[in-house]
Amino acid sequence: MFKSLNIDDSVPENTNQVVETEKVKCLIIGSGPAGYTAAIYAARANLSPVMYEGLQPGGQLTTTTEVENFPGYSQGVTGPVLMEDLKAQAERFGTDVRWGIATKVEFSGPVHKVWIDDKKIIESEVVIIATGATAKYLGLDDEKKYAGSGVSACATCDGFFYRGKDVAVVGGGDTAAEEAIYLAGLVKKVYLIVRRNELRASKVMQERVIRTKNIEVLWEHQTKGLIGDGVVEGAILWKKKGTPEESEVTIKIDGFFLAIGHTPNSEFVKDFVETDEVGYIRTIPGTSKTNVPGVFACGDVQDSIYRQAVTAAGSGCMAAIDAERYLSEKHG
């Protein structure tokens, strides 16, 4: 692999900073199911991929205890173990896995530049973006305290563990309504905690929520904290906070689901790669191709709908194949 040291043109004048530049064939930014799968396919296609894992190596699944819906693990597997397995498979075929964070990019030329930790520039003909998305939280200390022990940001991932129990969903939009309805088919009761006196969800979703008998909407409620001995056993809520009718309510629950949205980790590429209004990278339907030739996106950074490990892995496969075909066509 060719390496060279250059003075980067973007370095401010009057400094003596030297930025190392490394040329690679295929750069993968981010890990998780999408990044690791892209690495497996890219490595087997002799693209010699270099991967930078990012701030959270392994992605969101590393914060998940049990994963029971990923094919091939009949007895289930913990999120960290699943990610280590995928990483080991990528490395087995020659992926160069590194720790580092992509801080900015330059995608205006035939060779794409990516700055790592603002200290190093990677130049690559193809770049696969697999930086995922970050679930939005309320900011309560209890969310961290009970992470993986009753607090979840994915009903589809974790709802199965609460069969026959009582749970709460926080949010008032379509995502919250969908997750509440999904959980209602598994659990005994769903409390939908809504800050306002109305739902922001579409009319159709609102009607479905109201028609679902085991969903109780708690209007004008906000979460104050969670309680429980090691695991979530209840939630303390404010009712009509800030009004003369303000009161404190405690509900008994076993699961607390956040459904207030996700933030795609795409900020560092937004000046070059097209995104939607939320920040999800737009890809050409049926492909992983972005608006920039040679730049591909996979996983949750471009998927606002499914957000599952298996769909992320599938899109990682697509990105690697798209990248290999792009290089093949480019070089004949």
Protein backbone atom coordinates (compact mmCIF):
# COMPACT_ATOMS: atom_id res chain seq x y z
CA MET A 1 0.00 0.00 0.00
CA PHE A 2 1.49 3.32 -1.09
CA LYS A 3 2.01 6.00 1.55
CA SER A 4 3.34 9.49 1.17
CA LEU A 5 3.76 12.57 3.30
CA ASN A 6 2.39 15.79 1.86
CA ILE A 7 1.66 19.25 3.14
CA ASP A 8 -2.11 19.51 2.77
CA ASP A 9 -3.29 22.64 0.95
CA SER A 10 -6.11 23.13 3.48
CA VAL A 11 -3.73 23.53 6.42
CA PRO A 12 -3.76 27.20 7.52
CA GLU A 13 -0.75 29.29 6.60
CA ASN A 14 1.91 30.07 9.17
CA THR A 15 1.75 26.58 10.69
CA ASN A 16 4.25 23.81 10.40
CA GLN A 17 1.66 21.05 10.54
CA VAL A 18 2.41 18.10 8.29
CA VAL A 19 -0.54 15.91 7.37
CA GLU A 20 0.14 12.31 6.41
CA THR A 21 -1.57 11.15 3.23
CA GLU A 22 -2.27 7.50 2.49
CA LYS A 23 -3.62 6.13 -0.78
CA VAL A 24 -5.96 3.13 -0.65
CA LYS A 25 -8.24 1.38 -3.10
CA CYS A 26 -11.38 1.11 -0.93
CA LEU A 27 -12.16 3.05 2.24
CA ILE A 28 -15.00 2.05 4.57
CA ILE A 29 -16.09 4.62 7.14
CA GLY A 30 -17.91 3.12 10.13
CA SER A 31 -18.42 -0.37 11.39
CA GLY A 32 -21.52 -2.26 12.52
CA PRO A 33 -23.33 -4.88 10.41
CA ALA A 34 -23.25 -2.70 7.28
CA GLY A 35 -19.58 -1.74 7.47
CA TYR A 36 -18.31 -5.17 8.43
CA THR A 37 -20.36 -6.91 5.72
CA ALA A 38 -19.14 -4.41 3.14
CA ALA A 39 -15.61 -5.17 4.31
CA ILE A 40 -16.10 -8.93 3.97
CA TYR A 41 -17.33 -8.60 0.39
CA ALA A 42 -14.79 -5.94 -0.57
CA ALA A 43 -11.90 -7.96 0.83
CA ARG A 44 -13.00 -11.10 -0.99
CA ALA A 45 -13.15 -9.03 -4.20
CA ASN A 46 -9.48 -8.05 -3.69
CA LEU A 47 -10.29 -4.40 -3.00
CA SER A 48 -7.94 -4.39 0.03
CA PRO A 49 -10.42 -2.38 2.14
CA VAL A 50 -9.30 -0.10 4.93
CA MET A 51 -11.95 0.43 7.61
CA TYR A 52 -12.13 3.13 10.25
CA GLU A 53 -14.48 1.92 12.96
CA GLY A 54 -15.53 5.30 14.29
CA LEU A 55 -16.54 6.48 17.74
CA GLN A 56 -18.55 3.36 18.51
CA PRO A 57 -16.80 0.30 17.05
CA GLY A 58 -19.47 -2.24 16.16
CA GLY A 59 -22.22 0.36 16.05
CA GLN A 60 -25.50 0.46 17.96
CA LEU A 61 -25.64 -3.31 18.44
CA THR A 62 -22.78 -3.15 20.91
CA THR A 63 -25.26 -1.60 23.37
CA THR A 64 -27.76 -4.45 22.87
CA THR A 65 -27.71 -7.43 25.19
CA GLU A 66 -29.55 -10.21 23.35
CA VAL A 67 -29.97 -10.46 19.58
CA GLU A 68 -32.34 -13.25 18.56
CA ASN A 69 -33.35 -12.21 15.04
CA PHE A 70 -30.02 -12.31 13.20
CA PRO A 71 -29.86 -15.40 10.94
CA GLY A 72 -27.45 -18.13 11.90
CA TYR A 73 -27.62 -17.75 15.68
CA SER A 74 -30.29 -20.25 16.66
CA GLN A 75 -29.72 -19.72 20.38
CA GLY A 76 -29.35 -15.96 20.11
CA VAL A 77 -26.20 -13.91 20.60
CA THR A 78 -25.22 -10.74 22.41
CA GLY A 79 -24.69 -7.64 20.31
CA PRO A 80 -20.98 -7.29 21.16
CA VAL A 81 -20.27 -10.95 20.33
CA LEU A 82 -22.10 -10.66 17.01
CA MET A 83 -20.05 -7.61 16.09
CA GLU A 84 -16.79 -9.31 17.11
CA ASP A 85 -17.72 -12.28 14.90
CA LEU A 86 -18.36 -10.01 11.92
CA LYS A 87 -15.16 -8.09 12.56
CA ALA A 88 -13.12 -11.29 12.77
CA GLN A 89 -14.62 -12.49 9.49
CA ALA A 90 -13.74 -9.19 7.79
CA GLU A 91 -10.18 -9.35 9.12
CA ARG A 92 -9.84 -12.98 8.06
CA PHE A 93 -10.14 -11.90 4.43
CA GLY A 94 -7.64 -9.08 4.84
CA THR A 95 -9.59 -6.01 5.90
CA ASP A 96 -7.35 -3.46 7.61
CA VAL A 97 -9.51 -2.45 10.58
CA ARG A 98 -8.42 0.71 12.39
CA TRP A 99 -9.73 3.00 15.09
CA GLY A 100 -10.36 6.55 14.01
CA ILE A 101 -13.06 9.08 13.23
CA ALA A 102 -13.72 10.67 9.84
CA THR A 103 -13.99 14.40 10.49
CA LYS A 104 -14.38 15.88 7.01
CA VAL A 105 -14.28 14.92 3.34
CA GLU A 106 -13.42 16.33 -0.07
CA PHE A 107 -15.44 14.59 -2.78
CA SER A 108 -15.06 17.08 -5.63
CA GLY A 109 -12.38 15.26 -7.60
CA PRO A 110 -11.81 11.81 -9.12
CA VAL A 111 -9.96 10.76 -5.98
CA HIS A 112 -11.91 11.12 -2.75
CA LYS A 113 -10.22 12.54 0.33
CA VAL A 114 -11.26 11.76 3.89
CA TRP A 115 -9.68 13.36 6.95
CA ILE A 116 -9.21 11.02 9.93
CA ASP A 117 -9.13 12.73 13.33
CA ASP A 118 -8.06 15.90 11.50
CA LYS A 119 -4.54 14.46 11.41
CA LYS A 120 -4.43 12.14 8.41
CA ILE A 121 -5.86 12.15 4.89
CA ILE A 122 -6.97 8.95 3.20
CA GLU A 123 -7.23 9.17 -0.58
CA SER A 124 -9.42 6.50 -2.13
CA GLU A 125 -11.14 5.83 -5.44
CA VAL A 126 -14.17 4.42 -3.67
CA VAL A 127 -15.63 5.29 -0.28
CA ILE A 128 -18.33 3.32 1.52
CA ILE A 129 -20.16 5.28 4.21
CA ALA A 130 -21.53 3.05 6.97
CA THR A 131 -21.62 5.46 9.89
CA GLY A 132 -25.11 4.52 11.09
CA ALA A 133 -27.55 6.63 13.05
CA THR A 134 -27.81 7.62 16.68
CA ALA A 135 -31.07 7.18 18.57
CA LYS A 136 -32.39 10.30 20.25
CA TYR A 137 -32.78 10.09 24.02
CA LEU A 138 -34.48 12.28 26.58
CA GLY A 139 -31.22 12.99 28.34
CA LEU A 140 -32.09 11.32 31.63
CA ASP A 141 -29.37 9.70 33.70
CA ASP A 142 -31.70 6.72 34.15
CA GLU A 143 -31.58 6.01 30.42
CA LYS A 144 -27.89 5.19 30.76
CA LYS A 145 -28.39 3.45 34.09
CA TYR A 146 -30.91 0.99 32.63
CA ALA A 147 -29.46 0.71 29.12
CA GLY A 148 -29.91 -2.91 28.07
CA SER A 149 -31.90 -3.53 31.26
CA GLY A 150 -35.28 -2.21 30.23
CA VAL A 151 -34.42 0.83 28.12
CA SER A 152 -34.46 0.39 24.35
CA ALA A 153 -34.62 2.51 21.22
CA CYS A 154 -35.83 -0.33 18.98
CA ALA A 155 -39.15 -2.06 19.57
CA THR A 156 -38.65 -4.42 16.63
CA CYS A 157 -35.30 -5.50 18.08
CA ASP A 158 -36.27 -5.93 21.71
CA GLY A 159 -40.07 -6.16 21.95
CA PHE A 160 -39.98 -9.96 21.97
CA PHE A 161 -38.35 -9.94 25.42
CA TYR A 162 -41.40 -8.22 26.96
CA ARG A 163 -44.12 -10.63 25.89
CA GLY A 164 -47.04 -10.51 28.30
CA LYS A 165 -45.58 -7.56 30.22
CA ASP A 166 -46.34 -3.84 30.46
CA VAL A 167 -44.18 -1.33 28.59
CA ALA A 168 -44.08 2.36 27.78
CA VAL A 169 -43.28 4.10 24.51
CA VAL A 170 -42.19 7.75 24.45
CA GLY A 171 -43.12 9.89 21.47
CA GLY A 172 -46.00 11.29 19.50
CA GLY A 173 -44.99 10.87 15.86
CA ASP A 174 -45.40 8.08 13.32
CA THR A 175 -42.42 6.13 14.70
CA ALA A 176 -43.88 6.14 18.22
CA ALA A 177 -47.30 5.12 16.92
CA GLU A 178 -45.84 2.30 14.82
CA GLU A 179 -43.74 0.99 17.69
CA ALA A 180 -46.65 1.16 20.12
CA ILE A 181 -48.85 -0.80 17.73
CA TYR A 182 -46.10 -3.35 17.10
CA LEU A 183 -45.54 -3.84 20.82
CA ALA A 184 -49.27 -4.09 21.46
CA GLY A 185 -49.22 -7.35 19.52
CA LEU A 186 -46.66 -8.79 21.93
CA VAL A 187 -47.16 -7.28 25.36
CA LYS A 188 -49.99 -7.02 27.85
CA LYS A 189 -50.23 -3.23 27.84
CA VAL A 190 -48.55 -0.27 26.18
CA TYR A 191 -48.46 3.19 27.71
CA LEU A 192 -47.85 5.81 25.01
CA ILE A 193 -46.29 8.81 26.73
CA VAL A 194 -47.13 11.96 24.75
CA ARG A 195 -45.86 15.36 25.81
CA ARG A 196 -48.64 17.29 24.10
CA ASN A 197 -52.41 16.85 24.05
CA GLU A 198 -52.33 15.51 20.52
CA LEU A 199 -50.31 13.13 18.35
CA ARG A 200 -48.04 14.38 15.58
CA ALA A 201 -48.49 11.06 13.79
CA SER A 202 -50.42 10.81 10.53
CA LYS A 203 -54.19 10.55 10.75
CA VAL A 204 -54.14 6.88 9.80
CA MET A 205 -51.62 6.03 12.51
CA GLN A 206 -53.53 8.05 15.09
CA GLU A 207 -56.69 6.10 14.35
CA ARG A 208 -54.84 2.78 14.61
CA VAL A 209 -53.44 3.75 18.01
CA ILE A 210 -56.85 4.74 19.33
CA ARG A 211 -58.42 1.51 18.03
CA THR A 212 -55.79 -0.70 19.68
CA LYS A 213 -57.37 -1.72 22.97
CA ASN A 214 -54.22 -2.40 24.96
CA ILE A 215 -52.63 0.98 24.18
CA GLU A 216 -53.29 3.70 26.74
CA VAL A 217 -52.25 7.18 25.64
CA LEU A 218 -50.98 9.33 28.49
CA TRP A 219 -51.62 12.83 27.17
CA GLU A 220 -49.53 15.76 28.42
CA HIS A 221 -47.08 13.51 30.26
CA GLN A 222 -43.30 13.75 30.42
CA THR A 223 -40.79 11.33 31.90
CA LYS A 224 -39.11 12.41 35.12
CA GLY A 225 -37.19 9.20 35.80
CA LEU A 226 -37.13 5.42 35.91
CA ILE A 227 -37.14 3.14 38.93
CA GLY A 228 -36.15 -0.46 39.54
CA ASP A 229 -33.64 -2.72 41.20
CA GLY A 230 -31.11 -3.34 38.42
CA VAL A 231 -33.83 -3.46 35.76
CA VAL A 232 -36.68 -1.12 34.88
CA GLU A 233 -39.72 -1.72 37.08
CA GLY A 234 -41.51 1.59 36.67
CA ALA A 235 -41.47 5.17 35.41
CA ILE A 236 -42.14 8.41 37.24
CA LEU A 237 -43.97 10.91 35.06
CA TRP A 238 -44.96 14.55 35.23
CA LYS A 239 -48.55 15.19 34.22
CA LYS A 240 -49.22 18.65 32.79
CA LYS A 241 -45.80 19.87 33.85
CA GLY A 242 -45.55 23.63 34.35
CA THR A 243 -49.28 24.15 34.81
CA PRO A 244 -51.38 24.63 37.98
CA GLU A 245 -52.59 21.03 37.47
CA GLU A 246 -49.07 19.59 37.53
CA SER A 247 -48.85 16.25 39.33
CA GLU A 248 -46.55 13.25 39.59
CA VAL A 249 -47.64 9.85 38.28
CA THR A 250 -45.93 6.47 38.65
CA ILE A 251 -46.62 3.63 36.22
CA LYS A 252 -45.48 0.04 36.57
CA ILE A 253 -43.59 -1.11 33.49
CA ASP A 254 -40.87 -3.59 32.52
CA GLY A 255 -39.73 -1.91 29.32
CA PHE A 256 -39.16 1.73 28.35
CA PHE A 257 -38.93 2.40 24.60
CA LEU A 258 -37.65 5.64 23.09
CA ALA A 259 -39.32 6.51 19.80
CA ILE A 260 -38.44 10.15 19.33
CA GLY A 261 -36.32 9.64 16.24
CA HIS A 262 -32.77 9.01 15.11
CA THR A 263 -29.99 11.29 13.93
CA PRO A 264 -28.08 9.91 10.92
CA ASN A 265 -24.32 10.28 11.35
CA SER A 266 -23.89 12.09 8.06
CA GLU A 267 -22.93 15.60 9.14
CA PHE A 268 -19.33 15.26 7.95
CA VAL A 269 -20.34 14.54 4.33
CA LYS A 270 -23.36 16.82 3.93
CA ASP A 271 -21.48 19.39 1.82
CA PHE A 272 -20.93 16.79 -0.91
CA VAL A 273 -23.41 13.94 -0.48
CA GLU A 274 -27.13 14.52 -0.93
CA THR A 275 -29.30 13.83 2.14
CA ASP A 276 -32.97 14.20 2.99
CA GLU A 277 -34.30 16.86 5.36
CA VAL A 278 -33.45 14.72 8.41
CA GLY A 279 -29.95 13.85 7.25
CA TYR A 280 -30.35 10.34 5.84
CA ILE A 281 -28.11 9.90 2.80
CA ARG A 282 -30.09 9.56 -0.41
CA THR A 283 -29.17 6.57 -2.54
CA ILE A 284 -30.37 5.66 -6.01
CA PRO A 285 -33.28 3.21 -5.43
CA GLY A 286 -32.14 -0.40 -5.64
CA THR A 287 -28.48 0.54 -5.19
CA SER A 288 -26.08 1.98 -2.62
CA LYS A 289 -24.97 4.73 -5.01
CA THR A 290 -25.02 8.33 -3.80
CA ASN A 291 -25.02 11.42 -6.00
CA VAL A 292 -21.20 11.33 -5.96
CA PRO A 293 -19.63 8.74 -8.31
CA GLY A 294 -17.51 6.32 -6.32
CA VAL A 295 -19.20 7.11 -3.00
CA PHE A 296 -21.65 4.57 -1.61
CA ALA A 297 -23.79 4.45 1.52
CA CYS A 298 -25.20 1.52 3.47
CA GLY A 299 -26.86 0.73 6.77
CA ASP A 300 -28.75 3.08 9.04
CA VAL A 301 -27.10 6.23 7.70
CA GLN A 302 -29.27 5.79 4.59
CA ASP A 303 -32.15 3.67 5.97
CA SER A 304 -34.87 5.49 7.90
CA ILE A 305 -37.38 2.66 7.56
CA TYR A 306 -36.08 -0.76 8.58
CA ARG A 307 -33.02 -0.06 10.76
CA GLN A 308 -32.30 -3.75 11.41
CA ALA A 309 -28.97 -5.54 11.64
CA VAL A 310 -29.86 -7.94 8.85
CA THR A 311 -31.01 -5.20 6.44
CA ALA A 312 -27.89 -3.19 7.26
CA ALA A 313 -25.76 -6.23 6.47
CA GLY A 314 -27.59 -6.69 3.18
CA SER A 315 -27.00 -3.09 2.18
CA GLY A 316 -23.33 -3.48 3.11
CA CYS A 317 -23.12 -6.33 0.64
CA MET A 318 -24.73 -4.11 -2.01
CA ALA A 319 -22.25 -1.30 -1.34
CA ALA A 320 -19.23 -3.56 -1.76
CA ILE A 321 -20.56 -5.06 -4.99
CA ASP A 322 -21.46 -1.60 -6.32
CA ALA A 323 -17.95 -0.38 -5.42
CA GLU A 324 -16.27 -3.34 -7.13
CA ARG A 325 -18.33 -2.84 -10.29
CA TYR A 326 -17.59 0.88 -10.28
CA LEU A 327 -13.85 0.22 -10.17
CA SER A 328 -14.10 -2.50 -12.80
CA GLU A 329 -15.95 -0.19 -15.20
CA LYS A 330 -13.61 2.71 -14.44
CA HIS A 331 -10.47 0.76 -15.18
CA GLY A 332 -11.90 -1.45 -17.89
